[in-house]
Amino acid sequence: VYHMAKNETTIEEQEKVVDPTQETEGGAESQELGDLEQTAAGTVRKYMYSSMAVGLIPAPGVDLAGLMALQIKMVHSLAKHYGVPFMEDLGKSAITSLLGALGPITLARGTFGSLVKAIPVIGTAVGIATQPMLSGAFTYAVGKVFIQHFEAGGTFLDLDPKKVRAHFAQQFQEGKLMAKEIAVEKTARTKA
């Protein structure tokens, strides 16, 4: 389904790179706030790549389940990064609620992009052409919302998805642009 290139790492390896709770020479406390946010943004970008790869899974619905699992893992990593106790049920609920910010047309495209893969050949091609970008953009937006919330000292208990929907929608649009850039870069590297 998806094979990692030599220069790509697994999610576990990525977490070792961005996990500030690991002992370092200066310790996690020596990181400045900007460094924390930069490292968290790197975590989001890595999960965005993984989400785009999950979007390539040709089985309808499996890609969506994999996407949710990746996003929960990303939110768990971000919570750990900011020292916020992880609450899986509240994390899942927040991610699901944020979907509402995308509106019915975008939601329909995402669902259609997954379900159309059930149609042999043409459906798979259409789904694979659309789903990675939407998956990457959604993951990017979820990550950015949680970074903003955790940066402000928030926890899972006080996150109100309705209050961050406009920010989420804006980050989703930014994520779509980033996903397109990633796809173009990947295509250029493949052709080279």
N, C-alpha and C. Protein backbone atom coordinates (compact mmCIF):
# COMPACT_ATOMS: atom_id res chain seq x y z
N VAL A 1 0.83 -1.19 0.00
CA VAL A 1 0.00 0.00 0.00
C VAL A 1 0.87 1.25 0.00
N TYR A 2 1.67 1.43 1.03
CA TYR A 2 2.54 2.60 1.12
C TYR A 2 3.89 2.14 1.61
N HIS A 3 4.90 2.46 0.85
CA HIS A 3 6.26 2.08 1.24
C HIS A 3 7.03 3.34 1.54
N MET A 4 7.75 3.32 2.65
CA MET A 4 8.52 4.50 3.04
C MET A 4 9.78 4.58 2.20
N ALA A 5 10.13 5.79 1.81
CA ALA A 5 11.38 6.01 1.12
C ALA A 5 12.51 5.95 2.14
N LYS A 6 13.73 5.87 1.65
CA LYS A 6 14.88 5.75 2.55
C LYS A 6 14.98 6.92 3.52
N ASN A 7 14.62 8.11 3.09
CA ASN A 7 14.79 9.28 3.94
C ASN A 7 13.57 9.57 4.82
N GLU A 8 12.52 8.74 4.75
CA GLU A 8 11.35 8.94 5.59
C GLU A 8 11.48 8.09 6.85
N THR A 9 10.81 8.52 7.90
CA THR A 9 10.89 7.80 9.17
C THR A 9 9.52 7.34 9.60
N THR A 10 9.49 6.41 10.53
CA THR A 10 8.22 5.96 11.09
C THR A 10 7.72 7.01 12.07
N ILE A 11 6.46 6.89 12.45
CA ILE A 11 5.87 7.83 13.41
C ILE A 11 6.62 7.76 14.74
N GLU A 12 6.97 6.55 15.17
CA GLU A 12 7.70 6.40 16.43
C GLU A 12 9.04 7.11 16.37
N GLU A 13 9.74 6.99 15.23
CA GLU A 13 11.02 7.68 15.09
C GLU A 13 10.82 9.19 15.08
N GLN A 14 9.74 9.66 14.45
CA GLN A 14 9.46 11.08 14.40
C GLN A 14 9.23 11.62 15.81
N GLU A 15 8.51 10.86 16.63
CA GLU A 15 8.23 11.32 17.98
C GLU A 15 9.51 11.44 18.79
N LYS A 16 10.47 10.54 18.56
CA LYS A 16 11.74 10.62 19.27
C LYS A 16 12.45 11.92 18.90
N VAL A 17 12.29 12.34 17.65
CA VAL A 17 12.94 13.56 17.20
C VAL A 17 12.28 14.79 17.82
N VAL A 18 10.96 14.79 17.94
CA VAL A 18 10.25 15.99 18.38
C VAL A 18 9.76 15.92 19.82
N ASP A 19 10.06 14.85 20.52
CA ASP A 19 9.54 14.69 21.87
C ASP A 19 10.41 15.45 22.88
N PRO A 20 9.92 16.58 23.41
CA PRO A 20 10.72 17.38 24.32
C PRO A 20 10.85 16.75 25.70
N THR A 21 10.12 15.68 25.97
CA THR A 21 10.23 15.05 27.28
C THR A 21 11.45 14.13 27.35
N GLN A 22 12.07 13.85 26.20
CA GLN A 22 13.28 13.05 26.20
C GLN A 22 14.40 13.91 26.77
N GLU A 23 15.29 13.28 27.49
CA GLU A 23 16.41 14.00 28.08
C GLU A 23 17.34 14.52 27.00
N THR A 24 17.68 15.78 27.10
CA THR A 24 18.66 16.39 26.19
C THR A 24 19.68 17.09 27.05
N GLU A 25 20.70 17.64 26.42
CA GLU A 25 21.75 18.30 27.18
C GLU A 25 21.21 19.41 28.06
N GLY A 26 20.30 20.23 27.53
CA GLY A 26 19.78 21.34 28.31
C GLY A 26 18.49 21.01 29.03
N GLY A 27 17.89 19.88 28.74
CA GLY A 27 16.62 19.51 29.35
C GLY A 27 15.47 20.20 28.66
N ALA A 28 14.26 19.65 28.84
CA ALA A 28 13.07 20.20 28.18
C ALA A 28 12.77 21.60 28.67
N GLU A 29 13.10 21.90 29.94
CA GLU A 29 12.79 23.23 30.48
C GLU A 29 13.58 24.33 29.81
N SER A 30 14.72 24.00 29.19
CA SER A 30 15.55 25.05 28.61
C SER A 30 15.02 25.53 27.26
N GLN A 31 14.03 24.83 26.70
CA GLN A 31 13.48 25.27 25.43
C GLN A 31 12.66 26.54 25.62
N GLU A 32 12.81 27.46 24.69
CA GLU A 32 12.01 28.67 24.74
C GLU A 32 10.64 28.36 24.15
N LEU A 33 9.66 29.22 24.46
CA LEU A 33 8.31 29.02 23.98
C LEU A 33 8.26 28.91 22.46
N GLY A 34 8.99 29.76 21.75
CA GLY A 34 9.02 29.70 20.29
C GLY A 34 9.55 28.37 19.79
N ASP A 35 10.55 27.82 20.50
CA ASP A 35 11.09 26.52 20.13
C ASP A 35 10.05 25.43 20.31
N LEU A 36 9.24 25.53 21.37
CA LEU A 36 8.19 24.55 21.59
C LEU A 36 7.19 24.57 20.45
N GLU A 37 6.80 25.76 20.05
CA GLU A 37 5.83 25.89 18.96
C GLU A 37 6.42 25.40 17.64
N GLN A 38 7.69 25.71 17.39
CA GLN A 38 8.34 25.25 16.17
C GLN A 38 8.43 23.73 16.14
N THR A 39 8.79 23.13 17.25
CA THR A 39 8.88 21.68 17.31
C THR A 39 7.50 21.06 17.12
N ALA A 40 6.47 21.66 17.72
CA ALA A 40 5.10 21.17 17.57
C ALA A 40 4.67 21.28 16.11
N ALA A 41 5.03 22.37 15.45
CA ALA A 41 4.69 22.53 14.03
C ALA A 41 5.37 21.46 13.18
N GLY A 42 6.59 21.08 13.55
CA GLY A 42 7.28 19.99 12.87
C GLY A 42 6.56 18.67 13.05
N THR A 43 6.02 18.46 14.25
CA THR A 43 5.24 17.25 14.51
C THR A 43 4.01 17.23 13.60
N VAL A 44 3.33 18.34 13.50
CA VAL A 44 2.13 18.43 12.66
C VAL A 44 2.49 18.15 11.20
N ARG A 45 3.57 18.71 10.75
CA ARG A 45 3.97 18.50 9.35
C ARG A 45 4.26 17.02 9.09
N LYS A 46 4.91 16.35 10.01
CA LYS A 46 5.22 14.92 9.83
C LYS A 46 3.95 14.08 9.80
N TYR A 47 3.01 14.42 10.66
CA TYR A 47 1.74 13.69 10.64
C TYR A 47 0.93 14.04 9.40
N MET A 48 1.12 15.23 8.89
CA MET A 48 0.45 15.62 7.65
C MET A 48 0.93 14.73 6.50
N TYR A 49 2.25 14.52 6.42
CA TYR A 49 2.80 13.61 5.41
C TYR A 49 2.19 12.22 5.56
N SER A 50 2.14 11.73 6.77
CA SER A 50 1.58 10.39 7.02
C SER A 50 0.11 10.33 6.63
N SER A 51 -0.63 11.39 6.93
CA SER A 51 -2.05 11.44 6.58
C SER A 51 -2.26 11.42 5.08
N MET A 52 -1.39 12.10 4.37
CA MET A 52 -1.48 12.10 2.92
C MET A 52 -1.22 10.68 2.38
N ALA A 53 -0.29 9.99 3.00
CA ALA A 53 -0.01 8.61 2.59
C ALA A 53 -1.21 7.71 2.88
N VAL A 54 -1.87 7.93 4.03
CA VAL A 54 -3.06 7.14 4.36
C VAL A 54 -4.16 7.40 3.34
N GLY A 55 -4.23 8.61 2.81
CA GLY A 55 -5.22 8.93 1.79
C GLY A 55 -5.03 8.12 0.51
N LEU A 56 -3.87 7.54 0.35
CA LEU A 56 -3.59 6.72 -0.83
C LEU A 56 -4.10 5.28 -0.69
N ILE A 57 -4.53 4.91 0.50
CA ILE A 57 -5.03 3.55 0.71
C ILE A 57 -6.25 3.36 -0.19
N PRO A 58 -6.23 2.34 -1.05
CA PRO A 58 -7.32 2.18 -2.01
C PRO A 58 -8.63 1.64 -1.43
N ALA A 59 -8.62 1.11 -0.23
CA ALA A 59 -9.83 0.52 0.36
C ALA A 59 -10.73 1.62 0.93
N PRO A 60 -11.98 1.71 0.48
CA PRO A 60 -12.89 2.75 0.99
C PRO A 60 -13.12 2.58 2.49
N GLY A 61 -13.09 3.69 3.20
CA GLY A 61 -13.34 3.68 4.64
C GLY A 61 -12.11 3.37 5.46
N VAL A 62 -11.24 2.52 4.96
CA VAL A 62 -10.01 2.19 5.70
C VAL A 62 -9.13 3.43 5.82
N ASP A 63 -9.12 4.24 4.75
CA ASP A 63 -8.34 5.47 4.78
C ASP A 63 -8.86 6.43 5.85
N LEU A 64 -10.18 6.52 5.97
CA LEU A 64 -10.76 7.42 6.98
C LEU A 64 -10.47 6.94 8.40
N ALA A 65 -10.55 5.63 8.61
CA ALA A 65 -10.23 5.08 9.93
C ALA A 65 -8.75 5.30 10.26
N GLY A 66 -7.90 5.09 9.27
CA GLY A 66 -6.47 5.33 9.47
C GLY A 66 -6.18 6.79 9.75
N LEU A 67 -6.89 7.67 9.07
CA LEU A 67 -6.71 9.11 9.28
C LEU A 67 -7.07 9.50 10.71
N MET A 68 -8.19 8.98 11.21
CA MET A 68 -8.59 9.30 12.58
C MET A 68 -7.55 8.79 13.57
N ALA A 69 -7.05 7.58 13.35
CA ALA A 69 -6.03 7.02 14.24
C ALA A 69 -4.76 7.88 14.24
N LEU A 70 -4.35 8.33 13.07
CA LEU A 70 -3.16 9.18 12.98
C LEU A 70 -3.38 10.51 13.69
N GLN A 71 -4.56 11.08 13.52
CA GLN A 71 -4.82 12.37 14.15
C GLN A 71 -4.87 12.25 15.68
N ILE A 72 -5.44 11.16 16.16
CA ILE A 72 -5.45 10.95 17.62
C ILE A 72 -4.02 10.82 18.12
N LYS A 73 -3.19 10.09 17.39
CA LYS A 73 -1.79 9.93 17.77
C LYS A 73 -1.07 11.27 17.73
N MET A 74 -1.37 12.10 16.72
CA MET A 74 -0.75 13.42 16.63
C MET A 74 -1.15 14.29 17.82
N VAL A 75 -2.45 14.30 18.13
CA VAL A 75 -2.93 15.10 19.26
C VAL A 75 -2.30 14.60 20.56
N HIS A 76 -2.16 13.29 20.69
CA HIS A 76 -1.48 12.72 21.87
C HIS A 76 -0.03 13.22 21.94
N SER A 77 0.66 13.23 20.81
CA SER A 77 2.04 13.72 20.78
C SER A 77 2.11 15.20 21.14
N LEU A 78 1.18 15.99 20.61
CA LEU A 78 1.17 17.42 20.94
C LEU A 78 0.86 17.64 22.42
N ALA A 79 -0.08 16.88 22.95
CA ALA A 79 -0.41 17.02 24.38
C ALA A 79 0.81 16.69 25.23
N LYS A 80 1.49 15.62 24.89
CA LYS A 80 2.70 15.22 25.62
C LYS A 80 3.76 16.32 25.50
N HIS A 81 3.88 16.86 24.32
CA HIS A 81 4.85 17.92 24.05
C HIS A 81 4.61 19.14 24.96
N TYR A 82 3.35 19.49 25.16
CA TYR A 82 3.01 20.65 25.97
C TYR A 82 2.74 20.30 27.44
N GLY A 83 2.88 19.04 27.79
CA GLY A 83 2.67 18.63 29.18
C GLY A 83 1.20 18.63 29.58
N VAL A 84 0.31 18.42 28.61
CA VAL A 84 -1.13 18.40 28.86
C VAL A 84 -1.57 16.94 28.97
N PRO A 85 -2.24 16.57 30.04
CA PRO A 85 -2.72 15.19 30.15
C PRO A 85 -3.63 14.83 28.97
N PHE A 86 -3.33 13.70 28.33
CA PHE A 86 -4.08 13.28 27.15
C PHE A 86 -5.38 12.60 27.56
N MET A 87 -6.46 12.98 26.90
CA MET A 87 -7.78 12.38 27.13
C MET A 87 -8.32 11.97 25.77
N GLU A 88 -8.18 10.69 25.45
CA GLU A 88 -8.50 10.19 24.12
C GLU A 88 -9.94 10.48 23.71
N ASP A 89 -10.90 10.22 24.61
CA ASP A 89 -12.30 10.44 24.26
C ASP A 89 -12.58 11.90 23.91
N LEU A 90 -12.03 12.82 24.71
CA LEU A 90 -12.24 14.24 24.42
C LEU A 90 -11.50 14.66 23.15
N GLY A 91 -10.34 14.06 22.90
CA GLY A 91 -9.60 14.35 21.68
C GLY A 91 -10.38 13.91 20.45
N LYS A 92 -10.92 12.69 20.48
CA LYS A 92 -11.73 12.19 19.36
C LYS A 92 -12.95 13.07 19.15
N SER A 93 -13.59 13.44 20.25
CA SER A 93 -14.78 14.28 20.17
C SER A 93 -14.46 15.63 19.55
N ALA A 94 -13.35 16.23 19.95
CA ALA A 94 -12.96 17.53 19.41
C ALA A 94 -12.65 17.43 17.93
N ILE A 95 -11.91 16.40 17.53
CA ILE A 95 -11.56 16.23 16.11
C ILE A 95 -12.83 16.06 15.28
N THR A 96 -13.74 15.22 15.75
CA THR A 96 -14.99 14.99 15.03
C THR A 96 -15.81 16.27 14.94
N SER A 97 -15.85 17.03 16.03
CA SER A 97 -16.61 18.27 16.04
C SER A 97 -16.01 19.31 15.09
N LEU A 98 -14.69 19.31 14.97
CA LEU A 98 -14.04 20.27 14.07
C LEU A 98 -14.42 20.02 12.61
N LEU A 99 -14.78 18.80 12.29
CA LEU A 99 -15.23 18.49 10.93
C LEU A 99 -16.37 19.42 10.50
N GLY A 100 -17.22 19.79 11.45
CA GLY A 100 -18.36 20.65 11.16
C GLY A 100 -17.95 22.01 10.61
N ALA A 101 -16.73 22.44 10.92
CA ALA A 101 -16.26 23.74 10.43
C ALA A 101 -16.00 23.71 8.94
N LEU A 102 -15.86 22.53 8.37
CA LEU A 102 -15.53 22.43 6.95
C LEU A 102 -16.74 22.63 6.05
N GLY A 103 -17.92 22.45 6.61
CA GLY A 103 -19.13 22.62 5.81
C GLY A 103 -19.49 21.36 5.06
N PRO A 104 -20.74 21.27 4.65
CA PRO A 104 -21.23 20.04 4.03
C PRO A 104 -20.57 19.70 2.68
N ILE A 105 -20.19 20.69 1.91
CA ILE A 105 -19.60 20.41 0.60
C ILE A 105 -18.22 19.76 0.77
N THR A 106 -17.39 20.32 1.63
CA THR A 106 -16.07 19.75 1.86
C THR A 106 -16.17 18.37 2.49
N LEU A 107 -17.10 18.22 3.44
CA LEU A 107 -17.30 16.91 4.05
C LEU A 107 -17.73 15.88 3.02
N ALA A 108 -18.62 16.29 2.13
CA ALA A 108 -19.08 15.38 1.08
C ALA A 108 -17.93 14.99 0.16
N ARG A 109 -17.05 15.94 -0.17
CA ARG A 109 -15.90 15.63 -1.01
C ARG A 109 -14.99 14.61 -0.34
N GLY A 110 -14.74 14.79 0.95
CA GLY A 110 -13.88 13.86 1.67
C GLY A 110 -14.48 12.47 1.74
N THR A 111 -15.76 12.40 2.02
CA THR A 111 -16.44 11.10 2.09
C THR A 111 -16.50 10.48 0.70
N PHE A 112 -16.83 11.29 -0.30
CA PHE A 112 -16.89 10.80 -1.68
C PHE A 112 -15.51 10.30 -2.12
N GLY A 113 -14.45 11.05 -1.76
CA GLY A 113 -13.09 10.67 -2.14
C GLY A 113 -12.72 9.31 -1.59
N SER A 114 -13.26 8.96 -0.45
CA SER A 114 -12.99 7.64 0.13
C SER A 114 -13.89 6.59 -0.49
N LEU A 115 -15.18 6.86 -0.56
CA LEU A 115 -16.14 5.86 -1.04
C LEU A 115 -15.99 5.55 -2.53
N VAL A 116 -15.59 6.55 -3.32
CA VAL A 116 -15.47 6.34 -4.76
C VAL A 116 -14.39 5.30 -5.08
N LYS A 117 -13.50 5.06 -4.14
CA LYS A 117 -12.45 4.07 -4.35
C LYS A 117 -13.01 2.66 -4.55
N ALA A 118 -14.27 2.46 -4.21
CA ALA A 118 -14.90 1.15 -4.39
C ALA A 118 -15.15 0.84 -5.86
N ILE A 119 -15.18 1.87 -6.69
CA ILE A 119 -15.38 1.67 -8.13
C ILE A 119 -14.03 1.27 -8.73
N PRO A 120 -13.97 0.09 -9.34
CA PRO A 120 -12.69 -0.37 -9.89
C PRO A 120 -12.07 0.63 -10.86
N VAL A 121 -10.80 0.76 -10.82
CA VAL A 121 -9.93 1.56 -11.68
C VAL A 121 -10.23 3.05 -11.62
N ILE A 122 -11.33 3.49 -12.19
CA ILE A 122 -11.65 4.93 -12.24
C ILE A 122 -11.87 5.48 -10.84
N GLY A 123 -12.64 4.78 -10.03
CA GLY A 123 -12.90 5.23 -8.67
C GLY A 123 -11.64 5.32 -7.84
N THR A 124 -10.78 4.31 -7.99
CA THR A 124 -9.52 4.32 -7.26
C THR A 124 -8.67 5.52 -7.68
N ALA A 125 -8.61 5.78 -8.98
CA ALA A 125 -7.83 6.91 -9.49
C ALA A 125 -8.37 8.24 -8.97
N VAL A 126 -9.70 8.41 -8.99
CA VAL A 126 -10.31 9.65 -8.51
C VAL A 126 -10.06 9.81 -7.00
N GLY A 127 -10.28 8.74 -6.24
CA GLY A 127 -10.07 8.80 -4.79
C GLY A 127 -8.65 9.11 -4.43
N ILE A 128 -7.71 8.48 -5.13
CA ILE A 128 -6.29 8.70 -4.83
C ILE A 128 -5.86 10.09 -5.25
N ALA A 129 -6.55 10.68 -6.22
CA ALA A 129 -6.22 12.03 -6.66
C ALA A 129 -6.71 13.10 -5.68
N THR A 130 -7.79 12.81 -4.95
CA THR A 130 -8.37 13.84 -4.07
C THR A 130 -8.11 13.60 -2.58
N GLN A 131 -8.15 12.37 -2.16
CA GLN A 131 -8.12 12.06 -0.73
C GLN A 131 -6.83 12.47 -0.02
N PRO A 132 -5.64 12.27 -0.61
CA PRO A 132 -4.43 12.67 0.11
C PRO A 132 -4.39 14.15 0.47
N MET A 133 -4.81 15.01 -0.47
CA MET A 133 -4.79 16.44 -0.19
C MET A 133 -5.76 16.80 0.95
N LEU A 134 -6.97 16.25 0.90
CA LEU A 134 -7.95 16.55 1.94
C LEU A 134 -7.50 15.99 3.29
N SER A 135 -6.93 14.80 3.28
CA SER A 135 -6.44 14.19 4.53
C SER A 135 -5.32 15.02 5.14
N GLY A 136 -4.39 15.44 4.28
CA GLY A 136 -3.28 16.26 4.76
C GLY A 136 -3.74 17.60 5.31
N ALA A 137 -4.66 18.24 4.59
CA ALA A 137 -5.17 19.55 5.02
C ALA A 137 -5.93 19.44 6.34
N PHE A 138 -6.73 18.40 6.47
CA PHE A 138 -7.49 18.21 7.70
C PHE A 138 -6.56 17.97 8.89
N THR A 139 -5.55 17.16 8.69
CA THR A 139 -4.59 16.89 9.76
C THR A 139 -3.83 18.15 10.14
N TYR A 140 -3.43 18.92 9.15
CA TYR A 140 -2.73 20.18 9.40
C TYR A 140 -3.59 21.10 10.26
N ALA A 141 -4.86 21.25 9.87
CA ALA A 141 -5.76 22.15 10.59
C ALA A 141 -6.00 21.68 12.02
N VAL A 142 -6.20 20.38 12.21
CA VAL A 142 -6.40 19.83 13.56
C VAL A 142 -5.16 20.14 14.40
N GLY A 143 -4.00 19.87 13.84
CA GLY A 143 -2.76 20.13 14.58
C GLY A 143 -2.59 21.59 14.96
N LYS A 144 -2.86 22.48 14.03
CA LYS A 144 -2.71 23.91 14.30
C LYS A 144 -3.68 24.40 15.37
N VAL A 145 -4.89 23.88 15.36
CA VAL A 145 -5.87 24.26 16.39
C VAL A 145 -5.39 23.81 17.76
N PHE A 146 -4.91 22.58 17.85
CA PHE A 146 -4.43 22.09 19.14
C PHE A 146 -3.17 22.81 19.59
N ILE A 147 -2.28 23.15 18.68
CA ILE A 147 -1.09 23.93 19.06
C ILE A 147 -1.51 25.26 19.64
N GLN A 148 -2.41 25.96 18.95
CA GLN A 148 -2.87 27.26 19.45
C GLN A 148 -3.49 27.11 20.84
N HIS A 149 -4.31 26.09 21.00
CA HIS A 149 -5.00 25.88 22.28
C HIS A 149 -4.01 25.56 23.39
N PHE A 150 -3.07 24.65 23.13
CA PHE A 150 -2.09 24.28 24.15
C PHE A 150 -1.12 25.42 24.43
N GLU A 151 -0.76 26.20 23.41
CA GLU A 151 0.11 27.37 23.61
C GLU A 151 -0.54 28.37 24.57
N ALA A 152 -1.87 28.46 24.51
CA ALA A 152 -2.61 29.40 25.37
C ALA A 152 -2.85 28.81 26.76
N GLY A 153 -2.31 27.63 27.02
CA GLY A 153 -2.48 27.02 28.33
C GLY A 153 -3.73 26.16 28.45
N GLY A 154 -4.38 25.87 27.34
CA GLY A 154 -5.60 25.09 27.36
C GLY A 154 -5.36 23.61 27.58
N THR A 155 -6.43 22.91 27.92
CA THR A 155 -6.40 21.46 28.11
C THR A 155 -7.54 20.85 27.29
N PHE A 156 -7.68 19.54 27.37
CA PHE A 156 -8.78 18.89 26.67
C PHE A 156 -10.12 19.25 27.30
N LEU A 157 -10.10 19.56 28.58
CA LEU A 157 -11.34 19.86 29.29
C LEU A 157 -11.94 21.20 28.90
N ASP A 158 -11.11 22.16 28.48
CA ASP A 158 -11.64 23.49 28.17
C ASP A 158 -11.61 23.83 26.68
N LEU A 159 -11.35 22.84 25.82
CA LEU A 159 -11.39 23.09 24.38
C LEU A 159 -12.83 23.09 23.90
N ASP A 160 -13.24 24.21 23.30
CA ASP A 160 -14.59 24.33 22.75
C ASP A 160 -14.47 24.42 21.23
N PRO A 161 -14.69 23.30 20.53
CA PRO A 161 -14.52 23.30 19.08
C PRO A 161 -15.35 24.36 18.35
N LYS A 162 -16.50 24.71 18.90
CA LYS A 162 -17.35 25.72 18.24
C LYS A 162 -16.65 27.08 18.21
N LYS A 163 -15.87 27.37 19.24
CA LYS A 163 -15.19 28.67 19.31
C LYS A 163 -13.98 28.76 18.38
N VAL A 164 -13.45 27.63 17.95
CA VAL A 164 -12.27 27.64 17.09
C VAL A 164 -12.57 27.25 15.65
N ARG A 165 -13.84 27.15 15.30
CA ARG A 165 -14.20 26.71 13.95
C ARG A 165 -13.68 27.63 12.85
N ALA A 166 -13.77 28.93 13.06
CA ALA A 166 -13.28 29.87 12.03
C ALA A 166 -11.77 29.70 11.84
N HIS A 167 -11.06 29.58 12.95
CA HIS A 167 -9.61 29.37 12.88
C HIS A 167 -9.31 28.03 12.20
N PHE A 168 -10.08 27.01 12.53
CA PHE A 168 -9.90 25.70 11.93
C PHE A 168 -10.11 25.76 10.43
N ALA A 169 -11.18 26.42 10.00
CA ALA A 169 -11.47 26.53 8.56
C ALA A 169 -10.35 27.26 7.83
N GLN A 170 -9.82 28.30 8.45
CA GLN A 170 -8.71 29.05 7.87
C GLN A 170 -7.47 28.15 7.76
N GLN A 171 -7.18 27.40 8.80
CA GLN A 171 -6.03 26.50 8.78
C GLN A 171 -6.22 25.37 7.77
N PHE A 172 -7.45 24.93 7.56
CA PHE A 172 -7.73 23.91 6.57
C PHE A 172 -7.38 24.42 5.17
N GLN A 173 -7.75 25.66 4.88
CA GLN A 173 -7.40 26.25 3.57
C GLN A 173 -5.88 26.35 3.41
N GLU A 174 -5.20 26.76 4.47
CA GLU A 174 -3.74 26.82 4.44
C GLU A 174 -3.16 25.42 4.25
N GLY A 175 -3.75 24.44 4.91
CA GLY A 175 -3.31 23.06 4.79
C GLY A 175 -3.48 22.53 3.37
N LYS A 176 -4.56 22.92 2.70
CA LYS A 176 -4.76 22.49 1.31
C LYS A 176 -3.64 23.01 0.42
N LEU A 177 -3.25 24.25 0.63
CA LEU A 177 -2.15 24.82 -0.15
C LEU A 177 -0.84 24.07 0.13
N MET A 178 -0.60 23.78 1.40
CA MET A 178 0.62 23.04 1.76
C MET A 178 0.61 21.64 1.17
N ALA A 179 -0.55 20.99 1.21
CA ALA A 179 -0.67 19.63 0.66
C ALA A 179 -0.40 19.64 -0.84
N LYS A 180 -0.88 20.66 -1.53
CA LYS A 180 -0.61 20.76 -2.97
C LYS A 180 0.89 20.94 -3.22
N GLU A 181 1.53 21.80 -2.41
CA GLU A 181 2.97 22.01 -2.55
C GLU A 181 3.73 20.71 -2.30
N ILE A 182 3.33 19.96 -1.29
CA ILE A 182 3.98 18.68 -0.97
C ILE A 182 3.82 17.71 -2.13
N ALA A 183 2.63 17.65 -2.71
CA ALA A 183 2.37 16.76 -3.83
C ALA A 183 3.23 17.14 -5.04
N VAL A 184 3.37 18.44 -5.30
CA VAL A 184 4.19 18.91 -6.42
C VAL A 184 5.66 18.55 -6.17
N GLU A 185 6.14 18.78 -4.93
CA GLU A 185 7.52 18.44 -4.58
C GLU A 185 7.77 16.95 -4.76
N LYS A 186 6.84 16.14 -4.28
CA LYS A 186 6.96 14.68 -4.36
C LYS A 186 6.99 14.23 -5.82
N THR A 187 6.15 14.83 -6.66
CA THR A 187 6.11 14.49 -8.08
C THR A 187 7.42 14.89 -8.74
N ALA A 188 7.93 16.06 -8.40
CA ALA A 188 9.20 16.53 -8.99
C ALA A 188 10.35 15.61 -8.59
N ARG A 189 10.37 15.18 -7.31
CA ARG A 189 11.43 14.26 -6.86
C ARG A 189 11.32 12.91 -7.53
N THR A 190 10.10 12.46 -7.77
CA THR A 190 9.89 11.16 -8.41
C THR A 190 10.38 11.20 -9.86
N LYS A 191 10.14 12.31 -10.54
CA LYS A 191 10.54 12.44 -11.93
C LYS A 191 12.04 12.64 -12.07
N ALA A 192 12.68 13.17 -11.03
CA ALA A 192 14.13 13.47 -11.11
C ALA A 192 14.99 12.24 -11.00
